[in-house]
Amino acid sequence: MTDGDRQVAEKCPMHVFVVGLRAFPRVPGGVETHSENLYPLIARQGHQVTCSSRSPYHQLDEWSGVRFIRTWAPKSKFLEAIVHSMLSVIKAAIIRPDVVHVHAVGPSLVVPLARIAALNVVVTHHGPDYDREKWNWLAKAVLRLGEWCGMRFATERIVISNVIEEMVRTRYGKASHIIPNGVRIPTLDFDPKLVRRHGLEPGAYVLMVSRFVPEKRHFDLIDAFVSANVPDVKLALVGDSDHPGEYDRELKARAETDERIVLTGYIGGDELHAIYQHAALFVLPSSHEGLPISMLESLSYGLPTIASDIPANCAVGLGESCYFPLGDVDELSAKIADRLKRPVTPDERDDIRNFVRERFNWNDIARQTVRVYEEASRN
């Protein structure tokens, strides 16, 4: 614990109860990655952190100073989050933590229940999940209701970008704290053998890391990559689907038709570090993001990055040349071909890493989050 962290903890040690994620560590998902980085740092400041994890994904009791309470959840795309969140709030009402921290708009449906139970609630809005293509009209309506419940009834609100802050202020007339996602700056010493086991060569593949869901628009990237026709370069798609469906099946079938497309499945640890480090280029063509953690991670390795020009991606603040119009496969293809002609230099890699180090530091984010807890606990 640093002197600054110790002073914060001595000022107001708190018990924080976390709701709205599957589990961590090494559980896929943006909220899960966010939590995996954030809560050990808050625990290190001297605060007690209890995470209500979803039983199908997790069996740990403690990790890196964070305590887990396993709570039952159905393995269902439509019911998993809300059932788990409801049961978690009931547990929180019994335990009586200083603050309940709810992540994402779906789980925020239970915020009114938590407030009725006289709990202090902080909600983090990670993005308008109802814009995701995988949801039907009913699910989107429920997610919008969750956003309304969370933004209207939370004690304090956190948003991860200026775009979401403006939306919350305009739509609900509520102030919120802007605290972005963060990123750890890794070492660059991961064994290239870890990428060769997937049939990839260092410096000779384009990378995308995400779940296999429609809003990530993998097919735009595949079409652009094929059109770019860059010799001796492969396309590595890291990830899989939590709930297999038509999109997942079509994507895997398409990959089987082209030996240049490599599906690694979900990977983590040193293997994922190595996949990032040794890529030539990272691409994120998605139609929906909050503040994209995979994009921040690519930049932390000094990777040249190309992303769709949706507001969430633009909020990262890269140069204009790093963005392409959403869905414009021809423009994406041209940018891929042009970027691969210019391998990243050591100085360019350092500049990219310094950019994210200065703007998206997890230690700063943890301190800012604790200050929001302090405000919530005083209400």
Protein backbone atom coordinates (compact mmCIF):
# COMPACT_ATOMS: atom_id res chain seq x y z
CA MET A 1 0.00 0.00 0.00
CA THR A 2 1.40 3.42 -0.93
CA ASP A 3 1.33 6.34 1.51
CA GLY A 4 -1.43 7.94 -0.56
CA ASP A 5 -3.54 4.79 -0.51
CA ARG A 6 -2.99 4.37 3.22
CA GLN A 7 -4.15 7.94 3.89
CA VAL A 8 -7.34 7.32 1.88
CA ALA A 9 -8.12 4.10 3.77
CA GLU A 10 -7.43 5.68 7.16
CA LYS A 11 -9.78 8.50 6.26
CA CYS A 12 -12.77 6.29 5.44
CA PRO A 13 -12.29 2.49 5.32
CA MET A 14 -15.40 1.05 3.71
CA HIS A 15 -17.08 -2.21 2.78
CA VAL A 16 -18.02 -2.26 -0.92
CA PHE A 17 -20.38 -4.91 -2.32
CA VAL A 18 -20.11 -5.41 -6.10
CA VAL A 19 -23.01 -6.50 -8.32
CA GLY A 20 -23.49 -6.83 -12.08
CA LEU A 21 -20.63 -8.96 -13.39
CA ARG A 22 -20.00 -12.65 -13.91
CA ALA A 23 -16.74 -13.01 -11.98
CA PHE A 24 -13.00 -12.47 -12.30
CA PRO A 25 -10.14 -13.13 -12.93
CA ARG A 26 -9.93 -14.46 -16.49
CA VAL A 27 -13.65 -14.34 -17.20
CA PRO A 28 -14.34 -12.74 -20.61
CA GLY A 29 -16.21 -9.44 -20.77
CA GLY A 30 -15.58 -5.72 -20.56
CA VAL A 31 -17.13 -5.26 -17.11
CA GLU A 32 -15.25 -8.33 -15.87
CA THR A 33 -11.91 -6.97 -17.12
CA HIS A 34 -12.72 -3.57 -15.64
CA SER A 35 -13.47 -5.16 -12.25
CA GLU A 36 -10.43 -7.44 -12.34
CA ASN A 37 -8.19 -4.39 -12.57
CA LEU A 38 -10.12 -2.03 -10.31
CA TYR A 39 -11.07 -3.94 -7.18
CA PRO A 40 -7.71 -5.37 -6.13
CA LEU A 41 -6.42 -1.79 -6.13
CA ILE A 42 -9.33 -0.64 -3.96
CA ALA A 43 -8.74 -3.58 -1.60
CA ARG A 44 -5.06 -2.62 -1.47
CA GLN A 45 -6.09 0.79 -0.15
CA GLY A 46 -7.47 -0.98 2.94
CA HIS A 47 -11.13 -1.23 1.97
CA GLN A 48 -13.14 -4.46 2.13
CA VAL A 49 -14.39 -5.52 -1.30
CA THR A 50 -16.98 -8.29 -1.68
CA CYS A 51 -18.03 -9.35 -5.17
CA SER A 52 -21.22 -11.32 -5.79
CA SER A 53 -20.06 -13.71 -8.53
CA ARG A 54 -22.28 -15.82 -10.78
CA SER A 55 -22.05 -19.47 -9.79
CA PRO A 56 -21.72 -20.97 -13.33
CA TYR A 57 -18.52 -19.00 -13.95
CA HIS A 58 -16.61 -19.05 -10.71
CA GLN A 59 -15.55 -21.10 -7.69
CA LEU A 60 -13.05 -18.81 -5.95
CA ASP A 61 -13.57 -17.52 -2.41
CA GLU A 62 -10.85 -14.88 -2.59
CA TRP A 63 -8.49 -13.40 -5.17
CA SER A 64 -5.99 -10.56 -4.84
CA GLY A 65 -7.64 -9.19 -1.71
CA VAL A 66 -11.19 -9.38 -3.08
CA ARG A 67 -13.69 -11.68 -1.39
CA PHE A 68 -16.29 -13.53 -3.50
CA ILE A 69 -19.76 -14.66 -2.55
CA ARG A 70 -21.01 -17.16 -5.12
CA THR A 71 -24.62 -16.43 -6.02
CA TRP A 72 -26.79 -18.64 -8.19
CA ALA A 73 -27.62 -17.49 -11.73
CA PRO A 74 -29.28 -19.32 -14.63
CA LYS A 75 -27.00 -19.77 -17.66
CA SER A 76 -29.44 -17.83 -19.83
CA LYS A 77 -28.74 -14.85 -22.06
CA PHE A 78 -32.00 -13.18 -21.06
CA LEU A 79 -32.35 -14.07 -17.37
CA GLU A 80 -28.82 -14.46 -16.06
CA ALA A 81 -28.05 -10.84 -15.15
CA ILE A 82 -31.38 -9.83 -13.64
CA VAL A 83 -31.90 -12.99 -11.56
CA HIS A 84 -28.35 -12.83 -10.24
CA SER A 85 -28.61 -9.11 -9.47
CA MET A 86 -31.87 -9.59 -7.58
CA LEU A 87 -30.43 -12.33 -5.41
CA SER A 88 -27.26 -10.29 -4.88
CA VAL A 89 -29.17 -7.27 -3.59
CA ILE A 90 -31.01 -9.50 -1.12
CA LYS A 91 -27.63 -10.68 0.17
CA ALA A 92 -26.40 -7.09 0.33
CA ALA A 93 -29.48 -6.09 2.35
CA ILE A 94 -28.50 -8.75 4.91
CA ILE A 95 -24.77 -7.94 4.94
CA ARG A 96 -25.26 -4.13 5.06
CA PRO A 97 -22.14 -2.87 3.25
CA ASP A 98 -21.32 0.83 3.16
CA VAL A 99 -21.81 0.95 -0.62
CA VAL A 100 -23.31 -1.34 -3.25
CA HIS A 101 -21.62 -0.82 -6.63
CA VAL A 102 -23.80 -1.96 -9.55
CA HIS A 103 -22.25 -2.32 -13.00
CA ALA A 104 -24.12 -1.87 -16.30
CA VAL A 105 -27.69 -0.93 -17.16
CA GLY A 106 -29.20 -4.44 -17.11
CA PRO A 107 -28.36 -5.19 -13.46
CA SER A 108 -29.44 -1.62 -12.59
CA LEU A 109 -33.05 -2.80 -12.69
CA VAL A 110 -32.53 -3.75 -9.03
CA VAL A 111 -31.38 -0.30 -7.89
CA PRO A 112 -34.84 0.75 -6.63
CA LEU A 113 -34.97 -2.44 -4.54
CA ALA A 114 -31.55 -1.64 -3.07
CA ARG A 115 -32.64 1.89 -2.24
CA ILE A 116 -35.83 0.61 -0.57
CA ALA A 117 -33.49 -1.54 1.54
CA ALA A 118 -31.73 1.70 2.58
CA LEU A 119 -28.50 0.81 0.79
CA ASN A 120 -26.16 3.42 -0.70
CA VAL A 121 -25.85 2.58 -4.39
CA VAL A 122 -23.25 3.61 -6.96
CA VAL A 123 -24.04 2.66 -10.56
CA THR A 124 -21.45 2.58 -13.33
CA HIS A 125 -22.96 3.12 -16.78
CA HIS A 126 -20.67 1.22 -19.16
CA GLY A 127 -22.70 2.07 -22.26
CA PRO A 128 -26.18 1.72 -23.77
CA ASP A 129 -26.39 -2.07 -23.89
CA TYR A 130 -29.82 -1.85 -25.52
CA ASP A 131 -28.01 -0.84 -28.74
CA ARG A 132 -26.40 -4.26 -29.00
CA GLU A 133 -27.65 -6.19 -32.02
CA LYS A 134 -28.02 -9.47 -30.13
CA TRP A 135 -31.07 -8.27 -28.15
CA ASN A 136 -34.67 -8.53 -29.31
CA TRP A 137 -37.16 -5.68 -28.79
CA LEU A 138 -38.30 -6.93 -25.40
CA ALA A 139 -34.76 -7.28 -24.06
CA LYS A 140 -33.91 -3.80 -25.34
CA ALA A 141 -36.95 -2.38 -23.57
CA VAL A 142 -35.93 -4.06 -20.31
CA LEU A 143 -32.38 -2.69 -20.65
CA ARG A 144 -33.73 0.82 -21.20
CA LEU A 145 -35.81 0.40 -18.07
CA GLY A 146 -32.67 -0.72 -16.23
CA GLU A 147 -30.88 2.42 -17.37
CA TRP A 148 -33.79 4.55 -16.12
CA CYS A 149 -33.81 2.78 -12.74
CA GLY A 150 -30.08 3.12 -12.31
CA MET A 151 -29.74 6.72 -13.38
CA ARG A 152 -32.85 7.94 -11.54
CA PHE A 153 -32.43 6.14 -8.23
CA ALA A 154 -28.69 5.59 -7.67
CA THR A 155 -27.05 7.54 -4.88
CA GLU A 156 -24.15 8.38 -7.20
CA ARG A 157 -23.52 7.68 -10.88
CA ILE A 158 -20.25 6.89 -12.69
CA VAL A 159 -19.93 6.99 -16.49
CA ILE A 160 -16.91 5.87 -18.48
CA SER A 161 -16.90 8.57 -21.17
CA ASN A 162 -17.97 12.13 -21.97
CA VAL A 163 -20.45 10.73 -24.47
CA ILE A 164 -22.34 8.78 -21.79
CA GLU A 165 -22.11 11.70 -19.32
CA GLU A 166 -23.84 14.00 -21.79
CA MET A 167 -26.53 11.41 -22.51
CA VAL A 168 -27.28 10.90 -18.80
CA ARG A 169 -27.41 14.64 -18.16
CA THR A 170 -29.67 15.28 -21.15
CA ARG A 171 -31.97 12.31 -20.75
CA TYR A 172 -32.30 12.11 -16.97
CA GLY A 173 -31.18 15.52 -15.70
CA LYS A 174 -28.62 13.82 -13.44
CA ALA A 175 -24.98 14.63 -12.81
CA SER A 176 -22.41 11.84 -13.01
CA HIS A 177 -18.73 11.28 -12.38
CA ILE A 178 -16.63 10.61 -15.50
CA ILE A 179 -14.16 7.83 -14.68
CA PRO A 180 -12.87 5.98 -17.76
CA ASN A 181 -11.76 2.40 -18.14
CA GLY A 182 -8.06 1.95 -17.55
CA VAL A 183 -5.22 -0.18 -18.75
CA ARG A 184 -2.06 -1.68 -17.30
CA ILE A 185 1.14 -1.08 -19.22
CA PRO A 186 2.67 -4.54 -19.72
CA THR A 187 6.23 -5.60 -20.17
CA LEU A 188 7.15 -6.58 -23.73
CA ASP A 189 9.00 -9.82 -23.10
CA PHE A 190 6.47 -12.53 -23.95
CA ASP A 191 7.68 -15.62 -25.77
CA PRO A 192 6.80 -15.67 -29.50
CA LYS A 193 6.38 -19.44 -29.19
CA LEU A 194 3.04 -18.69 -27.55
CA VAL A 195 1.72 -17.24 -30.81
CA ARG A 196 3.34 -19.83 -33.06
CA ARG A 197 1.30 -22.55 -31.36
CA HIS A 198 -1.71 -20.97 -33.07
CA GLY A 199 -0.04 -21.02 -36.48
CA LEU A 200 0.83 -17.32 -36.30
CA GLU A 201 4.16 -15.61 -36.92
CA PRO A 202 5.25 -12.57 -34.91
CA GLY A 203 4.63 -9.33 -36.80
CA ALA A 204 2.58 -11.11 -39.47
CA TYR A 205 -1.02 -11.01 -38.31
CA VAL A 206 -3.88 -8.58 -37.80
CA LEU A 207 -5.59 -8.97 -34.42
CA MET A 208 -9.08 -8.56 -33.01
CA VAL A 209 -10.01 -9.53 -29.43
CA SER A 210 -13.70 -9.71 -28.51
CA ARG A 211 -16.66 -11.90 -27.81
CA PHE A 212 -18.37 -13.33 -30.88
CA VAL A 213 -21.47 -11.13 -30.91
CA PRO A 214 -23.01 -9.23 -33.86
CA GLU A 215 -22.17 -5.71 -32.69
CA LYS A 216 -18.46 -6.49 -32.94
CA ARG A 217 -18.88 -6.84 -36.74
CA HIS A 218 -16.27 -9.50 -37.34
CA PHE A 219 -17.49 -9.98 -40.91
CA ASP A 220 -16.59 -6.38 -41.79
CA LEU A 221 -13.04 -7.10 -40.68
CA ILE A 222 -12.88 -10.44 -42.51
CA ASP A 223 -14.13 -8.88 -45.76
CA ALA A 224 -11.72 -5.95 -45.42
CA PHE A 225 -8.80 -8.24 -44.61
CA VAL A 226 -9.48 -10.48 -47.62
CA SER A 227 -9.85 -7.44 -49.87
CA ALA A 228 -6.58 -5.94 -48.64
CA ASN A 229 -4.81 -9.06 -49.97
CA VAL A 230 -1.61 -8.57 -47.99
CA PRO A 231 0.82 -11.47 -48.64
CA ASP A 232 1.98 -13.65 -45.76
CA VAL A 233 -0.29 -11.99 -43.20
CA LYS A 234 -3.03 -13.76 -41.23
CA LEU A 235 -6.08 -12.57 -39.32
CA ALA A 236 -6.30 -13.68 -35.67
CA LEU A 237 -9.73 -13.52 -34.03
CA VAL A 238 -9.39 -14.07 -30.29
CA GLY A 239 -12.55 -14.87 -28.37
CA ASP A 240 -15.71 -16.96 -28.58
CA SER A 241 -19.40 -16.80 -27.74
CA ASP A 242 -20.83 -17.11 -24.23
CA HIS A 243 -24.18 -18.22 -25.65
CA PRO A 244 -23.61 -19.89 -29.07
CA GLY A 245 -26.07 -18.93 -31.78
CA GLU A 246 -26.41 -18.21 -35.48
CA TYR A 247 -23.79 -15.43 -35.56
CA ASP A 248 -21.25 -17.61 -33.80
CA ARG A 249 -21.88 -20.55 -36.15
CA GLU A 250 -21.66 -18.41 -39.30
CA LEU A 251 -18.42 -16.81 -38.14
CA LYS A 252 -16.76 -20.15 -37.46
CA ALA A 253 -17.98 -21.55 -40.76
CA ARG A 254 -16.55 -18.56 -42.61
CA ALA A 255 -13.17 -18.99 -40.90
CA GLU A 256 -13.02 -22.62 -41.99
CA THR A 257 -13.09 -21.53 -45.65
CA ASP A 258 -9.88 -19.50 -45.40
CA GLU A 259 -6.68 -20.81 -43.83
CA ARG A 260 -5.49 -17.24 -43.26
CA ILE A 261 -8.21 -16.72 -40.63
CA VAL A 262 -7.21 -18.11 -37.23
CA LEU A 263 -9.69 -18.58 -34.39
CA THR A 264 -7.88 -19.01 -31.08
CA GLY A 265 -10.92 -19.28 -28.79
CA TYR A 266 -10.77 -17.61 -25.39
CA ILE A 267 -7.21 -17.27 -24.13
CA GLY A 268 -5.67 -15.42 -21.21
CA GLY A 269 -2.51 -14.92 -19.19
CA ASP A 270 0.86 -14.92 -20.92
CA GLU A 271 -0.68 -16.38 -24.08
CA LEU A 272 -2.98 -13.38 -24.51
CA HIS A 273 -0.14 -11.00 -23.65
CA ALA A 274 1.99 -12.59 -26.35
CA ILE A 275 -0.83 -12.44 -28.93
CA TYR A 276 -1.12 -8.70 -28.33
CA GLN A 277 2.62 -8.02 -28.22
CA HIS A 278 3.53 -9.77 -31.45
CA ALA A 279 0.64 -8.56 -33.64
CA ALA A 280 1.26 -6.17 -36.52
CA LEU A 281 -2.03 -4.31 -36.19
CA PHE A 282 -5.17 -4.27 -34.01
CA VAL A 283 -8.61 -3.60 -35.52
CA LEU A 284 -11.93 -2.94 -33.77
CA PRO A 285 -14.78 -2.55 -36.31
CA SER A 286 -17.63 -2.66 -33.76
CA SER A 287 -20.94 -0.79 -33.87
CA HIS A 288 -21.32 -0.62 -30.08
CA GLU A 289 -18.87 -0.07 -27.22
CA GLY A 290 -18.74 1.61 -23.84
CA LEU A 291 -15.10 2.62 -23.67
CA PRO A 292 -13.38 -0.32 -25.41
CA ILE A 293 -11.00 -2.13 -23.08
CA SER A 294 -9.58 -4.34 -25.84
CA MET A 295 -8.63 -1.20 -27.75
CA LEU A 296 -6.94 0.29 -24.69
CA GLU A 297 -5.11 -3.00 -24.19
CA SER A 298 -3.87 -3.00 -27.79
CA LEU A 299 -2.49 0.50 -27.28
CA SER A 300 -0.79 -0.55 -24.04
CA TYR A 301 1.38 -2.87 -26.13
CA GLY A 302 2.20 -0.05 -28.56
CA LEU A 303 0.11 -1.62 -31.32
CA PRO A 304 -1.03 0.48 -34.28
CA THR A 305 -4.82 0.46 -33.99
CA ILE A 306 -7.70 1.04 -36.40
CA ALA A 307 -11.27 1.39 -35.12
CA SER A 308 -14.73 2.29 -36.35
CA ASP A 309 -15.69 5.91 -35.84
CA ILE A 310 -18.46 5.34 -33.30
CA PRO A 311 -18.44 7.89 -30.43
CA ALA A 312 -17.15 5.40 -27.85
CA ASN A 313 -14.11 4.52 -29.95
CA CYS A 314 -13.45 8.15 -30.86
CA ALA A 315 -13.53 8.98 -27.13
CA VAL A 316 -10.19 7.18 -26.78
CA GLY A 317 -8.70 10.14 -28.63
CA LEU A 318 -6.56 8.64 -31.38
CA GLY A 319 -5.67 10.57 -34.53
CA GLU A 320 -8.15 10.83 -37.39
CA SER A 321 -6.16 8.38 -39.50
CA CYS A 322 -6.87 5.62 -36.94
CA TYR A 323 -10.63 5.67 -37.57
CA PHE A 324 -12.84 4.56 -40.47
CA PRO A 325 -16.57 5.07 -41.07
CA LEU A 326 -18.60 2.31 -39.41
CA GLY A 327 -19.43 -0.41 -41.92
CA ASP A 328 -17.20 1.01 -44.70
CA VAL A 329 -15.36 -2.17 -45.65
CA ASP A 330 -13.49 -0.55 -48.56
CA GLU A 331 -12.09 2.21 -46.35
CA LEU A 332 -11.11 -0.29 -43.67
CA SER A 333 -9.41 -2.48 -46.27
CA ALA A 334 -7.39 0.47 -47.56
CA LYS A 335 -6.32 1.46 -44.04
CA ILE A 336 -5.25 -2.12 -43.22
CA ALA A 337 -3.18 -2.39 -46.41
CA ASP A 338 -1.56 1.00 -45.87
CA ARG A 339 -0.73 0.42 -42.21
CA LEU A 340 0.82 -2.99 -42.85
CA LYS A 341 3.22 -1.39 -45.31
CA ARG A 342 4.69 0.58 -42.39
CA PRO A 343 5.79 -1.67 -39.51
CA VAL A 344 5.66 0.08 -36.16
CA THR A 345 8.99 1.54 -35.05
CA PRO A 346 10.33 1.35 -31.48
CA ASP A 347 9.80 5.11 -31.03
CA GLU A 348 6.24 4.90 -32.33
CA ARG A 349 5.50 2.00 -30.01
CA ASP A 350 6.80 4.00 -27.03
CA ASP A 351 4.67 7.00 -28.00
CA ILE A 352 1.53 4.87 -28.17
CA ARG A 353 2.24 3.28 -24.77
CA ASN A 354 2.92 6.67 -23.17
CA PHE A 355 -0.36 8.01 -24.56
CA VAL A 356 -2.47 5.42 -22.72
CA ARG A 357 -0.25 5.45 -19.62
CA GLU A 358 -1.01 9.14 -19.10
CA ARG A 359 -4.75 9.02 -19.84
CA PHE A 360 -5.99 5.64 -18.58
CA ASN A 361 -4.14 4.82 -15.36
CA TRP A 362 -5.86 2.26 -13.10
CA ASN A 363 -4.33 3.65 -9.90
CA ASP A 364 -5.86 7.06 -10.59
CA ILE A 365 -9.16 5.39 -11.50
CA ALA A 366 -9.23 3.45 -8.22
CA ARG A 367 -8.66 6.62 -6.19
CA GLN A 368 -11.39 8.47 -8.10
CA THR A 369 -13.82 5.58 -7.55
CA VAL A 370 -13.18 5.56 -3.80
CA ARG A 371 -13.97 9.27 -3.68
CA VAL A 372 -17.35 8.52 -5.28
CA TYR A 373 -17.94 5.84 -2.61
CA GLU A 374 -17.20 8.42 0.07
CA GLU A 375 -19.78 10.79 -1.43
CA ALA A 376 -22.37 7.99 -1.67
CA SER A 377 -21.83 6.85 1.92
CA ARG A 378 -22.43 10.38 3.21
CA ASN A 379 -25.89 10.59 1.62
